[in-house]
Amino acid sequence: MDLQLAGKTAVVTGASKGIGLACVEALAREGVAVTGISRDPDNLAAAREELAAKGFTFVTEAVDLTDPEASAAVFGRIGVPDILINCAGAARQLPPAELTSKALHAAMEAKYFTYMHATEAVVREMAERGSGSIVNVVGQGGKVANPLHIGGGAANAALMLASVGYAKAYADRGVRVNVINPGLTRTGRVDDRLEAAVRATGRPKEELAAELVAGIPIGRAGEPSEVADVAVFLASPRAAYVTGAVITMDGGATSSI
């Protein structure tokens, strides 16, 4: 299927690894000119090398998107893209005994505000132009309560509501906003999740990891590239009538309608 993306421009946040880097690669394969944002210049350099070995290039910007002024400045340099895919930021998973007000604020800064700062930087200009697509890769933790993920889950739930709110606000001006909620996906964040579970339960990490996979009907964790494929489709003109959608990608683990 031709996704009709050749010649388009995109910004991917959280682009140096995991799902964000997979989105950069998937967009580049479609002929999109991609700018990737991440806080760590060393991680971005490694990401550029990894994709260069596959024959792809992308521009990078090392910016902390928890800073609203820095966020506005970087998009001022980049300009308003056709596509924004937000993957930046991850709230730490913590046992309830370690959850403090400071940790709750940090969770919102890391996940909610990074997405909101990037969205704010482009959504009104997209509307003035009459076109644009935003895809927020959020997380199923915003729908399924987990005692180890209270701060991050709350940020994810807030992101879902804000995303659908923006979708309704700008639908008649050509801007689409959609959400993907991955479940267990093979990224470095799985280790953080397991380490929090070890501290909370005292059980071996290997045993806890096996339980995570056992609860997935498909029988495995997702791959970052699988999430990226859905994100790129949602961003494309092939999904022109899809906005305000919240799409679950958890291998069938959530058995609710």
Protein backbone atom coordinates (compact mmCIF):
# COMPACT_ATOMS: atom_id res chain seq x y z
CA MET A 1 0.00 0.00 0.00
CA ASP A 2 1.30 3.44 -0.94
CA LEU A 3 0.87 5.57 2.18
CA GLN A 4 1.21 8.76 0.10
CA LEU A 5 3.90 10.14 2.41
CA ALA A 6 6.79 10.73 0.00
CA GLY A 7 8.00 14.32 0.26
CA LYS A 8 6.25 14.99 3.59
CA THR A 9 8.03 16.29 6.68
CA ALA A 10 7.83 14.84 10.18
CA VAL A 11 9.11 15.40 13.68
CA VAL A 12 9.48 12.44 16.04
CA THR A 13 10.10 13.07 19.72
CA GLY A 14 11.88 10.46 21.80
CA ALA A 15 13.63 9.58 18.55
CA SER A 16 16.92 8.17 19.81
CA LYS A 17 15.74 4.66 20.72
CA GLY A 18 12.82 2.30 21.17
CA ILE A 19 9.50 3.12 19.54
CA GLY A 20 10.61 6.64 18.61
CA LEU A 21 13.59 5.41 16.62
CA ALA A 22 11.42 2.75 14.98
CA CYS A 23 9.03 5.54 13.90
CA VAL A 24 11.92 7.50 12.39
CA GLU A 25 12.96 4.46 10.38
CA ALA A 26 9.41 3.67 9.23
CA LEU A 27 8.87 7.26 8.09
CA ALA A 28 12.22 7.39 6.30
CA ARG A 29 11.32 4.21 4.42
CA GLU A 30 8.25 6.06 3.10
CA GLY A 31 10.33 8.95 1.80
CA VAL A 32 9.56 11.37 4.64
CA ALA A 33 12.12 13.99 5.70
CA VAL A 34 12.40 13.37 9.45
CA THR A 35 13.73 15.44 12.31
CA GLY A 36 14.26 13.49 15.52
CA ILE A 37 14.25 15.09 18.97
CA SER A 38 15.74 13.63 22.14
CA ARG A 39 17.46 15.02 25.24
CA ASP A 40 20.71 13.10 24.86
CA PRO A 41 23.03 14.06 21.97
CA ASP A 42 25.08 10.87 22.40
CA ASN A 43 21.98 8.69 22.02
CA LEU A 44 20.97 10.69 18.96
CA ALA A 45 24.42 10.21 17.42
CA ALA A 46 24.16 6.46 17.99
CA ALA A 47 20.69 6.47 16.42
CA ARG A 48 21.98 8.30 13.33
CA GLU A 49 24.74 5.71 12.95
CA GLU A 50 22.28 2.84 13.32
CA LEU A 51 19.98 4.16 10.60
CA ALA A 52 22.87 5.21 8.35
CA ALA A 53 23.94 1.56 8.32
CA LYS A 54 20.48 0.79 6.91
CA GLY A 55 20.72 3.55 4.31
CA PHE A 56 18.59 6.20 6.03
CA THR A 57 19.38 9.68 7.30
CA PHE A 58 17.56 12.08 9.57
CA VAL A 59 18.21 15.45 11.19
CA THR A 60 18.51 15.52 14.98
CA GLU A 61 17.91 18.11 17.69
CA ALA A 62 18.99 17.54 21.31
CA VAL A 63 16.33 19.29 23.40
CA ASP A 64 14.69 18.72 26.77
CA LEU A 65 10.97 18.91 25.98
CA THR A 66 10.04 19.31 29.64
CA ASP A 67 11.17 22.93 29.11
CA PRO A 68 8.38 24.87 27.34
CA GLU A 69 10.67 27.64 26.11
CA ALA A 70 13.21 25.19 24.70
CA SER A 71 10.37 23.25 23.07
CA ALA A 72 9.01 26.36 21.38
CA ALA A 73 12.50 27.36 20.25
CA VAL A 74 13.31 24.04 18.61
CA PHE A 75 10.07 24.00 16.64
CA GLY A 76 10.78 27.60 15.68
CA ARG A 77 13.98 26.32 14.07
CA ILE A 78 12.43 23.22 12.50
CA GLY A 79 9.19 24.80 11.30
CA VAL A 80 5.74 23.21 11.34
CA PRO A 81 5.92 19.65 10.00
CA ASP A 82 3.21 17.71 8.22
CA ILE A 83 3.44 15.03 10.93
CA LEU A 84 4.28 15.01 14.62
CA ILE A 85 4.75 11.67 16.38
CA ASN A 86 5.25 11.99 20.13
CA CYS A 87 7.20 9.22 21.88
CA ALA A 88 9.30 11.30 24.27
CA GLY A 89 9.38 10.78 27.98
CA ALA A 90 8.70 7.90 30.32
CA ALA A 91 7.64 8.12 33.94
CA ARG A 92 9.56 5.91 36.34
CA GLN A 93 7.68 2.96 37.74
CA LEU A 94 7.76 2.95 41.53
CA PRO A 95 6.35 0.77 44.29
CA PRO A 96 3.59 2.66 46.18
CA ALA A 97 5.86 2.94 49.23
CA GLU A 98 8.29 5.02 47.14
CA LEU A 99 5.65 7.23 45.52
CA THR A 100 5.91 10.84 46.69
CA SER A 101 4.44 14.14 45.56
CA LYS A 102 7.79 14.91 43.94
CA ALA A 103 7.66 11.63 42.02
CA LEU A 104 4.10 12.38 40.84
CA HIS A 105 5.17 15.80 39.56
CA ALA A 106 8.16 14.21 37.82
CA ALA A 107 5.87 11.69 36.11
CA MET A 108 3.71 14.46 34.65
CA GLU A 109 6.76 16.45 33.55
CA ALA A 110 8.34 13.43 31.90
CA LYS A 111 5.33 12.15 30.00
CA TYR A 112 2.38 14.57 29.88
CA PHE A 113 4.14 17.90 29.49
CA THR A 114 6.71 16.71 26.95
CA TYR A 115 3.84 15.75 24.64
CA MET A 116 1.84 18.89 25.38
CA HIS A 117 4.78 21.21 24.78
CA ALA A 118 5.45 19.64 21.38
CA THR A 119 1.77 19.68 20.47
CA GLU A 120 1.33 23.30 21.52
CA ALA A 121 4.27 24.28 19.35
CA VAL A 122 2.62 23.05 16.14
CA VAL A 123 -1.12 22.42 16.42
CA ARG A 124 -2.40 25.97 15.86
CA GLU A 125 -0.04 26.51 12.93
CA MET A 126 -1.18 23.21 11.43
CA ALA A 127 -4.77 24.44 11.76
CA GLU A 128 -3.92 27.75 10.08
CA ARG A 129 -2.34 25.81 7.23
CA GLY A 130 -5.35 23.50 7.06
CA SER A 131 -3.49 20.21 7.43
CA GLY A 132 -1.49 18.16 9.90
CA SER A 133 -1.39 14.86 11.73
CA ILE A 134 -0.33 14.21 15.32
CA VAL A 135 0.11 10.70 16.71
CA ASN A 136 0.70 10.31 20.43
CA VAL A 137 2.24 7.00 21.50
CA VAL A 138 0.92 6.89 25.06
CA GLY A 139 0.54 3.52 26.80
CA GLN A 140 -2.07 1.09 28.04
CA GLY A 141 -1.08 1.99 31.60
CA GLY A 142 -3.43 4.94 31.29
CA LYS A 143 -6.40 2.56 31.10
CA VAL A 144 -5.35 -0.33 33.33
CA ALA A 145 -4.48 0.62 36.91
CA ASN A 146 -1.13 -0.75 38.09
CA PRO A 147 0.10 0.02 41.63
CA LEU A 148 3.65 0.31 40.27
CA HIS A 149 2.63 2.83 37.62
CA ILE A 150 0.34 5.30 39.40
CA GLY A 151 2.23 8.43 38.35
CA GLY A 152 2.86 7.33 34.78
CA GLY A 153 -0.62 5.86 34.41
CA ALA A 154 -2.17 9.15 35.49
CA ALA A 155 -0.03 11.00 32.94
CA ASN A 156 -1.11 8.54 30.24
CA ALA A 157 -4.79 8.96 31.11
CA ALA A 158 -4.41 12.75 30.94
CA LEU A 159 -2.69 12.45 27.57
CA MET A 160 -5.54 10.40 26.15
CA LEU A 161 -8.10 12.98 27.19
CA ALA A 162 -6.00 15.90 25.92
CA SER A 163 -5.34 14.14 22.60
CA VAL A 164 -9.02 13.48 21.94
CA GLY A 165 -9.80 17.04 23.03
CA TYR A 166 -7.37 18.45 20.48
CA ALA A 167 -8.78 16.08 17.85
CA LYS A 168 -12.29 17.47 18.35
CA ALA A 169 -11.08 21.08 18.57
CA TYR A 170 -9.20 21.03 15.25
CA ALA A 171 -10.94 18.37 13.16
CA ASP A 172 -12.76 20.94 11.05
CA ARG A 173 -9.47 22.68 10.28
CA GLY A 174 -7.68 19.70 8.80
CA VAL A 175 -5.70 18.52 11.84
CA ARG A 176 -6.00 14.90 13.02
CA VAL A 177 -4.86 13.68 16.44
CA ASN A 178 -4.76 10.00 17.37
CA VAL A 179 -3.41 7.84 20.19
CA ILE A 180 -1.69 4.46 20.26
CA ASN A 181 -1.57 2.59 23.57
CA PRO A 182 1.14 -0.07 23.45
CA GLY A 183 1.18 -2.79 26.06
CA LEU A 184 4.37 -4.70 26.84
CA THR A 185 6.87 -3.76 24.13
CA ARG A 186 10.50 -4.84 23.82
CA THR A 187 12.28 -1.62 24.83
CA GLY A 188 14.57 -0.64 27.67
CA ARG A 189 11.56 0.51 29.66
CA VAL A 190 10.63 -3.11 30.34
CA ASP A 191 13.69 -3.42 32.56
CA ASP A 192 12.59 -0.38 34.59
CA ARG A 193 9.18 -1.96 35.04
CA LEU A 194 10.65 -5.26 36.18
CA GLU A 195 13.09 -3.65 38.60
CA ALA A 196 10.22 -1.77 40.26
CA ALA A 197 8.31 -5.04 40.54
CA VAL A 198 11.32 -6.75 42.11
CA ARG A 199 11.58 -4.02 44.75
CA ALA A 200 7.85 -4.22 45.46
CA THR A 201 7.59 -8.01 45.66
CA GLY A 202 11.06 -9.35 46.35
CA ARG A 203 10.54 -11.95 43.63
CA PRO A 204 13.13 -12.86 40.97
CA LYS A 205 13.22 -10.70 37.85
CA GLU A 206 13.10 -13.71 35.51
CA GLU A 207 9.95 -15.03 37.18
CA LEU A 208 8.22 -11.66 36.92
CA ALA A 209 9.22 -11.32 33.25
CA ALA A 210 7.73 -14.73 32.45
CA GLU A 211 4.47 -13.70 34.11
CA LEU A 212 4.25 -10.55 32.00
CA VAL A 213 4.43 -12.55 28.78
CA ALA A 214 2.10 -15.27 30.12
CA GLY A 215 -0.67 -12.68 30.42
CA ILE A 216 -0.53 -11.81 26.70
CA PRO A 217 -2.79 -13.98 24.51
CA ILE A 218 -0.51 -13.57 21.48
CA GLY A 219 2.26 -15.02 23.65
CA ARG A 220 5.00 -12.42 23.26
CA ALA A 221 5.86 -8.79 23.78
CA GLY A 222 5.33 -6.34 20.97
CA GLU A 223 8.12 -5.00 18.79
CA PRO A 224 8.83 -1.25 18.44
CA SER A 225 8.56 -1.63 14.65
CA GLU A 226 5.00 -2.96 15.00
CA VAL A 227 3.94 0.15 16.91
CA ALA A 228 5.75 2.33 14.38
CA ASP A 229 3.87 0.75 11.47
CA VAL A 230 0.53 1.68 13.02
CA ALA A 231 1.76 5.18 13.90
CA VAL A 232 2.89 5.85 10.34
CA PHE A 233 -0.39 4.57 8.91
CA LEU A 234 -2.36 6.85 11.26
CA ALA A 235 -0.16 9.77 10.23
CA SER A 236 -0.72 9.11 6.54
CA PRO A 237 -3.46 10.29 4.17
CA ARG A 238 -4.65 6.65 4.08
CA ALA A 239 -6.13 7.31 7.54
CA ALA A 240 -7.71 10.61 6.54
CA TYR A 241 -11.04 9.87 8.27
CA VAL A 242 -9.47 8.71 11.53
CA THR A 243 -9.15 11.25 14.33
CA GLY A 244 -9.71 11.10 18.06
CA ALA A 245 -9.05 7.35 18.01
CA VAL A 246 -7.37 5.54 20.89
CA ILE A 247 -5.90 2.30 19.57
CA THR A 248 -4.81 -0.51 21.88
CA MET A 249 -1.75 -2.56 20.88
CA ASP A 250 -1.23 -5.10 23.66
CA GLY A 251 -1.49 -8.49 21.99
CA GLY A 252 -5.01 -9.01 23.31
CA ALA A 253 -4.10 -8.60 26.99
CA THR A 254 -6.91 -6.14 27.76
CA SER A 255 -10.12 -8.13 27.71
CA SER A 256 -12.57 -5.24 27.83
CA ILE A 257 -14.59 -3.29 25.28
